[in-house]
Amino acid sequence: MNRNGFRIGLMSAGVLGLSAGVALGDPILPDWTGATFDGMSSVSDNMYFPLQEWSFSAYEGIEDGADYRGETLVTDQVKNILGVDTRVVRDVAYEDGLLVEVAFDWYAQDTDGNVWYFGEHVNNFNYDDDDNFIGVDHEGSWIADGVDFLPGIIMYANPMVGAEYYQEYAPGVAFDFAHVNSVTDSVDIDFGSFADVLNTGEGNFIDGPEIAENKLYGPGTGLVLIEVLDDAGEVDSEVELIAQRTVPAPGPAAALLLAATGALGRRRR
């Protein structure tokens, strides 16, 4: 499940009658074959989901009762999937100081400005009860093949309130969906204040049809806030944007990788 593409005075899903205890309708599966991708497909200028090379974003908060930190890096790497050049985005997640996930997501923008999700390679880092590292699995990994696993929409160019759609369509692996709650919210966090914010309620049909979290996107910035919902559809905890900058290449990218790898040896404090 995609965390970021991660991770206050808002209109919540509960206000719209879409609490975590209420199932969605039938999300549409966008037809990727009807989209046009050109030589610029790996670069996104979508105002809610910009993908500029070496853009780095960091998020912190509480998720599932743990201190959470997420880091997203838009790399200069391009992966061709189904004849489409996709941008490789690296997501790193920590819980209580332990590295728990390193994922590589593949996104492409069509000529209408919609951003498509073509899959991800996930590395899940597992620990025993004493926080000793015991191994890696790749649960949640998938790549669009055009037959069974199909690209979904991660962000429309012009999201419409009430729209329901699949972000990931990989039977048995990931059925992430989104519902557009609002496009006029406001967010005020330590990092900054945002107006005309897109608010989407999201979940994974493999876990059930309920909304699990709200994600809020600031125009020109991207994801700024995640509201994690409880079983009643109320906000249980939040993860917010704390830093965003463009990093030089390639040194800092290598340094980030080394730092993430080194976290394997860290213990919870």
C-alpha atoms as a PDB file:
ATOM      1  CA  MET A   1       0.000   0.000   0.000  1.00  0.00           C
ATOM      2  CA  ASN A   2       1.327   3.396  -0.903  1.00  0.00           C
ATOM      3  CA  ARG A   3       2.119   5.390   2.230  1.00  0.00           C
ATOM      4  CA  ASN A   4       3.044   8.763   0.838  1.00  0.00           C
ATOM      5  CA  GLY A   5       2.693   8.985  -2.523  1.00  0.00           C
ATOM      6  CA  PHE A   6       2.827  10.025   2.640  1.00  0.00           C
ATOM      7  CA  ARG A   7       1.569   9.966   5.574  1.00  0.00           C
ATOM      8  CA  ILE A   8      -6.349  22.009  12.134  1.00  0.00           C
ATOM      9  CA  GLY A   9      -9.772  23.006  10.860  1.00  0.00           C
ATOM     10  CA  LEU A  10     -10.466  20.343   8.238  1.00  0.00           C
ATOM     11  CA  MET A  11     -13.516  18.759   6.680  1.00  0.00           C
ATOM     12  CA  SER A  12     -13.066  15.115   7.605  1.00  0.00           C
ATOM     13  CA  ALA A  13     -14.476  12.014   5.963  1.00  0.00           C
ATOM     14  CA  GLY A  14     -16.807  11.673   8.927  1.00  0.00           C
ATOM     15  CA  VAL A  15     -18.417  15.019   8.084  1.00  0.00           C
ATOM     16  CA  LEU A  16     -19.095  13.720   4.588  1.00  0.00           C
ATOM     17  CA  GLY A  17     -20.679  10.519   5.877  1.00  0.00           C
ATOM     18  CA  LEU A  18     -17.605   8.458   4.978  1.00  0.00           C
ATOM     19  CA  SER A  19     -16.483   7.251   8.369  1.00  0.00           C
ATOM     20  CA  ALA A  20     -14.146   4.305   8.790  1.00  0.00           C
ATOM     21  CA  GLY A  21     -17.177   2.188   9.636  1.00  0.00           C
ATOM     22  CA  VAL A  22     -18.932   2.959   6.341  1.00  0.00           C
ATOM     23  CA  ALA A  23     -18.097   1.181   3.100  1.00  0.00           C
ATOM     24  CA  LEU A  24     -17.467   3.035  -0.116  1.00  0.00           C
ATOM     25  CA  GLY A  25     -19.412   2.388  -3.273  1.00  0.00           C
ATOM     26  CA  ASP A  26     -17.738   0.838  -6.299  1.00  0.00           C
ATOM     27  CA  PRO A  27     -14.593   2.810  -7.212  1.00  0.00           C
ATOM     28  CA  ILE A  28     -13.895   3.146 -10.906  1.00  0.00           C
ATOM     29  CA  LEU A  29     -10.832   1.540 -12.433  1.00  0.00           C
ATOM     30  CA  PRO A  30      -9.395   4.214 -14.728  1.00  0.00           C
ATOM     31  CA  ASP A  31      -8.576   2.979 -18.239  1.00  0.00           C
ATOM     32  CA  TRP A  32      -4.866   3.570 -18.617  1.00  0.00           C
ATOM     33  CA  THR A  33      -4.994   2.456 -22.265  1.00  0.00           C
ATOM     34  CA  GLY A  34      -7.050   5.553 -23.040  1.00  0.00           C
ATOM     35  CA  ALA A  35      -4.349   7.841 -21.661  1.00  0.00           C
ATOM     36  CA  THR A  36      -1.552   9.348 -23.737  1.00  0.00           C
ATOM     37  CA  PHE A  37       1.997   9.315 -22.379  1.00  0.00           C
ATOM     38  CA  ASP A  38       4.755  11.253 -24.110  1.00  0.00           C
ATOM     39  CA  GLY A  39       8.487  11.669 -23.547  1.00  0.00           C
ATOM     40  CA  MET A  40       7.806  13.821 -20.478  1.00  0.00           C
ATOM     41  CA  SER A  41       5.684  11.207 -18.685  1.00  0.00           C
ATOM     42  CA  SER A  42       8.290  10.702 -15.946  1.00  0.00           C
ATOM     43  CA  VAL A  43       8.074  14.367 -14.889  1.00  0.00           C
ATOM     44  CA  SER A  44       4.947  15.480 -13.038  1.00  0.00           C
ATOM     45  CA  ASP A  45       3.837  19.092 -12.742  1.00  0.00           C
ATOM     46  CA  ASN A  46       0.498  18.065 -11.205  1.00  0.00           C
ATOM     47  CA  MET A  47      -0.072  20.705  -8.526  1.00  0.00           C
ATOM     48  CA  TYR A  48      -1.090  18.135  -5.913  1.00  0.00           C
ATOM     49  CA  PHE A  49       1.521  15.534  -6.854  1.00  0.00           C
ATOM     50  CA  PRO A  50       4.644  17.247  -8.234  1.00  0.00           C
ATOM     51  CA  LEU A  51       7.589  14.986  -9.055  1.00  0.00           C
ATOM     52  CA  GLN A  52      10.707  17.061  -9.596  1.00  0.00           C
ATOM     53  CA  GLU A  53      14.083  15.322  -9.520  1.00  0.00           C
ATOM     54  CA  TRP A  54      15.806  15.290  -6.124  1.00  0.00           C
ATOM     55  CA  SER A  55      12.839  16.745  -4.286  1.00  0.00           C
ATOM     56  CA  PHE A  56      12.991  15.486  -0.686  1.00  0.00           C
ATOM     57  CA  SER A  57      10.107  15.543   1.814  1.00  0.00           C
ATOM     58  CA  ALA A  58      10.053  14.390   5.438  1.00  0.00           C
ATOM     59  CA  TYR A  59       7.033  13.578   7.612  1.00  0.00           C
ATOM     60  CA  GLU A  60       6.650  12.885  11.326  1.00  0.00           C
ATOM     61  CA  GLY A  61       3.797  11.953  13.634  1.00  0.00           C
ATOM     62  CA  ILE A  62       2.022   9.008  15.222  1.00  0.00           C
ATOM     63  CA  GLU A  63       0.782   6.007  13.242  1.00  0.00           C
ATOM     64  CA  ASP A  64      -0.624   2.812  14.775  1.00  0.00           C
ATOM     65  CA  GLY A  65       0.566   3.977  18.189  1.00  0.00           C
ATOM     66  CA  ALA A  66       4.196   4.316  17.098  1.00  0.00           C
ATOM     67  CA  ASP A  67       6.387   7.335  16.454  1.00  0.00           C
ATOM     68  CA  TYR A  68       6.479   7.513  12.673  1.00  0.00           C
ATOM     69  CA  ARG A  69       8.913   9.179  10.308  1.00  0.00           C
ATOM     70  CA  GLY A  70       8.627   9.006   6.541  1.00  0.00           C
ATOM     71  CA  GLU A  71      11.065  10.275   3.926  1.00  0.00           C
ATOM     72  CA  THR A  72      10.284  10.618   0.220  1.00  0.00           C
ATOM     73  CA  LEU A  73      12.930  11.241  -2.432  1.00  0.00           C
ATOM     74  CA  VAL A  74      12.151  11.779  -6.111  1.00  0.00           C
ATOM     75  CA  THR A  75      15.139  10.190  -7.836  1.00  0.00           C
ATOM     76  CA  ASP A  76      16.560  10.803 -11.304  1.00  0.00           C
ATOM     77  CA  GLN A  77      15.839   7.188 -12.223  1.00  0.00           C
ATOM     78  CA  VAL A  78      13.311   6.205 -14.880  1.00  0.00           C
ATOM     79  CA  LYS A  79      11.751   2.743 -15.252  1.00  0.00           C
ATOM     80  CA  ASN A  80       9.913   1.766 -18.414  1.00  0.00           C
ATOM     81  CA  ILE A  81       6.724  -0.180 -17.667  1.00  0.00           C
ATOM     82  CA  LEU A  82       4.301  -1.198 -20.407  1.00  0.00           C
ATOM     83  CA  GLY A  83       6.103   1.174 -22.758  1.00  0.00           C
ATOM     84  CA  VAL A  84       5.674   4.137 -20.398  1.00  0.00           C
ATOM     85  CA  ASP A  85       8.589   5.946 -18.750  1.00  0.00           C
ATOM     86  CA  THR A  86       7.832   6.137 -15.028  1.00  0.00           C
ATOM     87  CA  ARG A  87       9.598   8.129 -12.334  1.00  0.00           C
ATOM     88  CA  VAL A  88      11.201   6.155  -9.502  1.00  0.00           C
ATOM     89  CA  VAL A  89      10.344   7.597  -6.084  1.00  0.00           C
ATOM     90  CA  ARG A  90      12.011   6.222  -2.969  1.00  0.00           C
ATOM     91  CA  ASP A  91       9.981   6.033   0.259  1.00  0.00           C
ATOM     92  CA  VAL A  92      11.588   5.217   3.604  1.00  0.00           C
ATOM     93  CA  ALA A  93       9.567   4.610   6.794  1.00  0.00           C
ATOM     94  CA  TYR A  94      10.675   4.373  10.425  1.00  0.00           C
ATOM     95  CA  GLU A  95       8.620   3.351  13.458  1.00  0.00           C
ATOM     96  CA  ASP A  96       9.998   4.147  16.915  1.00  0.00           C
ATOM     97  CA  GLY A  97      13.399   4.709  15.332  1.00  0.00           C
ATOM     98  CA  LEU A  98      13.548   1.396  13.498  1.00  0.00           C
ATOM     99  CA  LEU A  99      13.681   1.177   9.720  1.00  0.00           C
ATOM    100  CA  VAL A 100      10.534  -0.726   8.694  1.00  0.00           C
ATOM    101  CA  GLU A 101      10.177  -0.084   4.971  1.00  0.00           C
ATOM    102  CA  VAL A 102      12.086   1.022   1.904  1.00  0.00           C
ATOM    103  CA  ALA A 103       9.892   1.162  -1.195  1.00  0.00           C
ATOM    104  CA  PHE A 104      10.445   2.245  -4.772  1.00  0.00           C
ATOM    105  CA  ASP A 105       7.262   3.588  -6.392  1.00  0.00           C
ATOM    106  CA  TRP A 106       6.729   4.091 -10.126  1.00  0.00           C
ATOM    107  CA  TYR A 107       4.655   7.053 -11.324  1.00  0.00           C
ATOM    108  CA  ALA A 108       3.913   8.597 -14.723  1.00  0.00           C
ATOM    109  CA  GLN A 109       1.924  11.644 -15.799  1.00  0.00           C
ATOM    110  CA  ASP A 110      -0.233  11.557 -18.917  1.00  0.00           C
ATOM    111  CA  THR A 111      -0.634  14.477 -21.298  1.00  0.00           C
ATOM    112  CA  ASP A 112      -3.824  15.563 -19.494  1.00  0.00           C
ATOM    113  CA  GLY A 113      -1.926  15.976 -16.218  1.00  0.00           C
ATOM    114  CA  ASN A 114      -3.210  12.859 -14.418  1.00  0.00           C
ATOM    115  CA  VAL A 115      -0.568  10.950 -12.441  1.00  0.00           C
ATOM    116  CA  TRP A 116      -0.713   7.147 -12.728  1.00  0.00           C
ATOM    117  CA  TYR A 117       0.645   4.556 -10.322  1.00  0.00           C
ATOM    118  CA  PHE A 118       2.386   1.649 -12.085  1.00  0.00           C
ATOM    119  CA  GLY A 119       3.447  -0.319  -9.002  1.00  0.00           C
ATOM    120  CA  GLU A 120       6.109  -0.513  -6.337  1.00  0.00           C
ATOM    121  CA  HIS A 121       8.918  -2.691  -5.067  1.00  0.00           C
ATOM    122  CA  VAL A 122       8.659  -2.962  -1.281  1.00  0.00           C
ATOM    123  CA  ASN A 123      11.288  -4.044   1.232  1.00  0.00           C
ATOM    124  CA  ASN A 124       9.710  -4.707   4.645  1.00  0.00           C
ATOM    125  CA  PHE A 125      12.192  -5.000   7.520  1.00  0.00           C
ATOM    126  CA  ASN A 126      11.082  -7.366  10.289  1.00  0.00           C
ATOM    127  CA  TYR A 127      12.126  -7.530  13.946  1.00  0.00           C
ATOM    128  CA  ASP A 128      11.538  -9.818  16.905  1.00  0.00           C
ATOM    129  CA  ASP A 129       9.982  -8.671  20.185  1.00  0.00           C
ATOM    130  CA  ASP A 130      13.380  -7.401  21.339  1.00  0.00           C
ATOM    131  CA  ASP A 131      13.776  -5.284  18.211  1.00  0.00           C
ATOM    132  CA  ASN A 132      16.451  -7.507  16.720  1.00  0.00           C
ATOM    133  CA  PHE A 133      16.436  -7.578  12.925  1.00  0.00           C
ATOM    134  CA  ILE A 134      15.278 -10.976  11.624  1.00  0.00           C
ATOM    135  CA  GLY A 135      14.733 -10.529   7.897  1.00  0.00           C
ATOM    136  CA  VAL A 136      13.188  -8.806   4.902  1.00  0.00           C
ATOM    137  CA  ASP A 137      10.062  -9.614   2.917  1.00  0.00           C
ATOM    138  CA  HIS A 138       8.527  -7.958  -0.119  1.00  0.00           C
ATOM    139  CA  GLU A 139       4.825  -8.123   0.718  1.00  0.00           C
ATOM    140  CA  GLY A 140       2.910  -5.423  -1.135  1.00  0.00           C
ATOM    141  CA  SER A 141       5.166  -5.391  -4.188  1.00  0.00           C
ATOM    142  CA  TRP A 142       3.550  -5.342  -7.622  1.00  0.00           C
ATOM    143  CA  ILE A 143       4.197  -4.082 -11.140  1.00  0.00           C
ATOM    144  CA  ALA A 144       1.580  -3.311 -13.765  1.00  0.00           C
ATOM    145  CA  ASP A 145       1.483  -5.990 -16.456  1.00  0.00           C
ATOM    146  CA  GLY A 146      -1.533  -4.748 -18.408  1.00  0.00           C
ATOM    147  CA  VAL A 147      -3.468  -7.981 -17.793  1.00  0.00           C
ATOM    148  CA  ASP A 148      -4.020  -8.749 -14.117  1.00  0.00           C
ATOM    149  CA  PHE A 149      -2.140  -5.915 -12.429  1.00  0.00           C
ATOM    150  CA  LEU A 150      -3.269  -2.565 -13.833  1.00  0.00           C
ATOM    151  CA  PRO A 151      -2.132   1.026 -13.324  1.00  0.00           C
ATOM    152  CA  GLY A 152      -4.346   3.177 -11.133  1.00  0.00           C
ATOM    153  CA  ILE A 153      -4.673   6.919 -10.668  1.00  0.00           C
ATOM    154  CA  ILE A 154      -2.657   8.333  -7.788  1.00  0.00           C
ATOM    155  CA  MET A 155      -3.753  11.896  -8.582  1.00  0.00           C
ATOM    156  CA  TYR A 156      -6.180  13.430 -11.066  1.00  0.00           C
ATOM    157  CA  ALA A 157      -5.257  16.694 -12.761  1.00  0.00           C
ATOM    158  CA  ASN A 158      -8.598  18.140 -11.623  1.00  0.00           C
ATOM    159  CA  PRO A 159     -10.016  16.101  -8.721  1.00  0.00           C
ATOM    160  CA  MET A 160     -13.807  16.254  -8.437  1.00  0.00           C
ATOM    161  CA  VAL A 161     -15.546  16.030  -5.065  1.00  0.00           C
ATOM    162  CA  GLY A 162     -17.240  12.648  -4.709  1.00  0.00           C
ATOM    163  CA  ALA A 163     -15.011  10.830  -7.194  1.00  0.00           C
ATOM    164  CA  GLU A 164     -14.066   7.279  -6.140  1.00  0.00           C
ATOM    165  CA  TYR A 165     -11.263   5.452  -7.927  1.00  0.00           C
ATOM    166  CA  TYR A 166      -8.579   2.801  -7.622  1.00  0.00           C
ATOM    167  CA  GLN A 167      -5.026   3.932  -6.984  1.00  0.00           C
ATOM    168  CA  GLU A 168      -3.625   0.401  -7.081  1.00  0.00           C
ATOM    169  CA  TYR A 169      -5.239  -2.575  -8.826  1.00  0.00           C
ATOM    170  CA  ALA A 170      -3.238  -5.703  -8.034  1.00  0.00           C
ATOM    171  CA  PRO A 171      -5.513  -8.638  -7.061  1.00  0.00           C
ATOM    172  CA  GLY A 172      -4.288 -10.366  -3.922  1.00  0.00           C
ATOM    173  CA  VAL A 173      -1.675  -7.686  -3.300  1.00  0.00           C
ATOM    174  CA  ALA A 174      -3.110  -4.174  -3.224  1.00  0.00           C
ATOM    175  CA  PHE A 175      -6.524  -2.657  -3.916  1.00  0.00           C
ATOM    176  CA  ASP A 176      -5.916   0.901  -2.719  1.00  0.00           C
ATOM    177  CA  PHE A 177      -8.777   3.313  -3.356  1.00  0.00           C
ATOM    178  CA  ALA A 178      -9.508   6.984  -2.800  1.00  0.00           C
ATOM    179  CA  HIS A 179     -12.576   9.187  -2.381  1.00  0.00           C
ATOM    180  CA  VAL A 180     -12.304  12.935  -2.956  1.00  0.00           C
ATOM    181  CA  ASN A 181     -13.724  14.609   0.150  1.00  0.00           C
ATOM    182  CA  SER A 182     -12.984  18.255  -0.605  1.00  0.00           C
ATOM    183  CA  VAL A 183     -10.825  20.583  -2.682  1.00  0.00           C
ATOM    184  CA  THR A 184     -11.295  23.658  -0.484  1.00  0.00           C
ATOM    185  CA  ASP A 185      -9.848  22.655   2.881  1.00  0.00           C
ATOM    186  CA  SER A 186      -7.220  24.591   4.797  1.00  0.00           C
ATOM    187  CA  VAL A 187      -4.286  23.227   6.777  1.00  0.00           C
ATOM    188  CA  ASP A 188      -2.197  24.996   9.403  1.00  0.00           C
ATOM    189  CA  ILE A 189       0.850  23.025  10.585  1.00  0.00           C
ATOM    190  CA  ASP A 190       4.292  24.002  11.850  1.00  0.00           C
ATOM    191  CA  PHE A 191       5.729  23.721   8.341  1.00  0.00           C
ATOM    192  CA  GLY A 192       3.250  26.268   6.976  1.00  0.00           C
ATOM    193  CA  SER A 193      -0.323  27.214   6.158  1.00  0.00           C
ATOM    194  CA  PHE A 194      -2.125  25.951   3.069  1.00  0.00           C
ATOM    195  CA  ALA A 195      -5.381  26.921   1.350  1.00  0.00           C
ATOM    196  CA  ASP A 196      -7.435  25.184  -1.357  1.00  0.00           C
ATOM    197  CA  VAL A 197      -6.234  21.858  -0.004  1.00  0.00           C
ATOM    198  CA  LEU A 198      -7.306  18.576  -1.586  1.00  0.00           C
ATOM    199  CA  ASN A 199      -8.678  16.120   0.993  1.00  0.00           C
ATOM    200  CA  THR A 200      -8.978  12.440   0.019  1.00  0.00           C
ATOM    201  CA  GLY A 201     -10.206   9.522   2.103  1.00  0.00           C
ATOM    202  CA  GLU A 202      -8.170   6.397   1.360  1.00  0.00           C
ATOM    203  CA  GLY A 203      -8.033   2.705   2.189  1.00  0.00           C
ATOM    204  CA  ASN A 204      -7.243  -0.761   0.837  1.00  0.00           C
ATOM    205  CA  PHE A 205     -10.047  -3.164  -0.074  1.00  0.00           C
ATOM    206  CA  ILE A 206      -7.854  -6.081   1.000  1.00  0.00           C
ATOM    207  CA  ASP A 207      -8.224  -4.739   4.555  1.00  0.00           C
ATOM    208  CA  GLY A 208     -11.878  -3.851   4.013  1.00  0.00           C
ATOM    209  CA  PRO A 209     -13.991  -1.181   2.295  1.00  0.00           C
ATOM    210  CA  GLU A 210     -13.601   1.370   5.076  1.00  0.00           C
ATOM    211  CA  ILE A 211     -11.736   4.664   4.915  1.00  0.00           C
ATOM    212  CA  ALA A 212      -8.501   4.247   6.904  1.00  0.00           C
ATOM    213  CA  GLU A 213      -7.001   7.711   6.583  1.00  0.00           C
ATOM    214  CA  ASN A 214      -7.437  11.143   5.078  1.00  0.00           C
ATOM    215  CA  LYS A 215      -4.598  12.564   3.007  1.00  0.00           C
ATOM    216  CA  LEU A 216      -4.367  16.302   2.459  1.00  0.00           C
ATOM    217  CA  TYR A 217      -2.448  17.858  -0.426  1.00  0.00           C
ATOM    218  CA  GLY A 218      -1.392  21.491  -0.729  1.00  0.00           C
ATOM    219  CA  PRO A 219      -1.264  23.038  -4.220  1.00  0.00           C
ATOM    220  CA  GLY A 220       2.336  23.219  -5.417  1.00  0.00           C
ATOM    221  CA  THR A 221       3.590  21.265  -2.410  1.00  0.00           C
ATOM    222  CA  GLY A 222       1.941  17.854  -2.473  1.00  0.00           C
ATOM    223  CA  LEU A 223       1.125  15.775   0.582  1.00  0.00           C
ATOM    224  CA  VAL A 224       1.161  17.916   3.734  1.00  0.00           C
ATOM    225  CA  LEU A 225      -0.897  15.961   6.279  1.00  0.00           C
ATOM    226  CA  ILE A 226      -2.195  12.449   6.944  1.00  0.00           C
ATOM    227  CA  GLU A 227      -5.079  11.907   9.369  1.00  0.00           C
ATOM    228  CA  VAL A 228      -5.170   8.328  10.652  1.00  0.00           C
ATOM    229  CA  LEU A 229      -8.763   7.372  11.496  1.00  0.00           C
ATOM    230  CA  ASP A 230     -10.099   5.084  14.213  1.00  0.00           C
ATOM    231  CA  ASP A 231     -12.917   2.556  13.806  1.00  0.00           C
ATOM    232  CA  ALA A 232     -15.506   5.293  14.341  1.00  0.00           C
ATOM    233  CA  GLY A 233     -14.060   7.442  11.567  1.00  0.00           C
ATOM    234  CA  GLU A 234     -12.599  10.005  13.956  1.00  0.00           C
ATOM    235  CA  VAL A 235      -9.050  11.312  13.699  1.00  0.00           C
ATOM    236  CA  ASP A 236      -6.888   9.136  15.938  1.00  0.00           C
ATOM    237  CA  SER A 237      -3.450  10.527  15.074  1.00  0.00           C
ATOM    238  CA  GLU A 238      -1.671  12.653  12.503  1.00  0.00           C
ATOM    239  CA  VAL A 239       1.473  12.613  10.398  1.00  0.00           C
ATOM    240  CA  GLU A 240       2.538  15.971   8.983  1.00  0.00           C
ATOM    241  CA  LEU A 241       5.085  17.441   6.616  1.00  0.00           C
ATOM    242  CA  ILE A 242       8.089  18.799   8.531  1.00  0.00           C
ATOM    243  CA  ALA A 243      10.610  19.482   5.755  1.00  0.00           C
ATOM    244  CA  GLN A 244      10.773  19.826   1.998  1.00  0.00           C
ATOM    245  CA  ARG A 245      13.732  20.814  -0.133  1.00  0.00           C
ATOM    246  CA  THR A 246      15.691  19.992  -3.258  1.00  0.00           C
ATOM    247  CA  VAL A 247      18.849  18.044  -2.507  1.00  0.00           C
ATOM    248  CA  PRO A 248      21.986  17.999  -4.663  1.00  0.00           C
ATOM    249  CA  ALA A 249      22.701  14.848  -6.636  1.00  0.00           C
ATOM    250  CA  PRO A 250      24.049  12.264  -6.295  1.00  0.00           C
ATOM    251  CA  GLY A 251      25.939  12.566  -3.002  1.00  0.00           C
ATOM    252  CA  PRO A 252      23.028  13.218  -0.616  1.00  0.00           C
ATOM    253  CA  ALA A 253      20.976  10.462  -2.259  1.00  0.00           C
ATOM    254  CA  ALA A 254      23.730   7.969  -1.503  1.00  0.00           C
ATOM    255  CA  ALA A 255      24.032   9.378   2.002  1.00  0.00           C
ATOM    256  CA  LEU A 256      20.303   8.906   2.569  1.00  0.00           C
ATOM    257  CA  LEU A 257      20.576   5.281   1.465  1.00  0.00           C
ATOM    258  CA  LEU A 258      23.482   4.657   3.813  1.00  0.00           C
ATOM    259  CA  ALA A 259      21.642   6.329   6.672  1.00  0.00           C
ATOM    260  CA  ALA A 260      18.562   4.183   6.078  1.00  0.00           C
ATOM    261  CA  THR A 261      20.634   1.016   5.915  1.00  0.00           C
ATOM    262  CA  GLY A 262      22.490   1.954   9.068  1.00  0.00           C
ATOM    263  CA  ALA A 263      19.195   2.289  10.916  1.00  0.00           C
ATOM    264  CA  LEU A 264      18.907  -1.499  10.885  1.00  0.00           C
ATOM    265  CA  GLY A 265      21.266  -1.619  13.814  1.00  0.00           C
ATOM    266  CA  ARG A 266      19.386   0.905  15.902  1.00  0.00           C
ATOM    267  CA  ARG A 267      17.223  -0.142  18.821  1.00  0.00           C
ATOM    268  CA  ARG A 268      14.160   1.612  20.180  1.00  0.00           C
ATOM    269  CA  ARG A 269      15.004   4.080  22.903  1.00  0.00           C
END
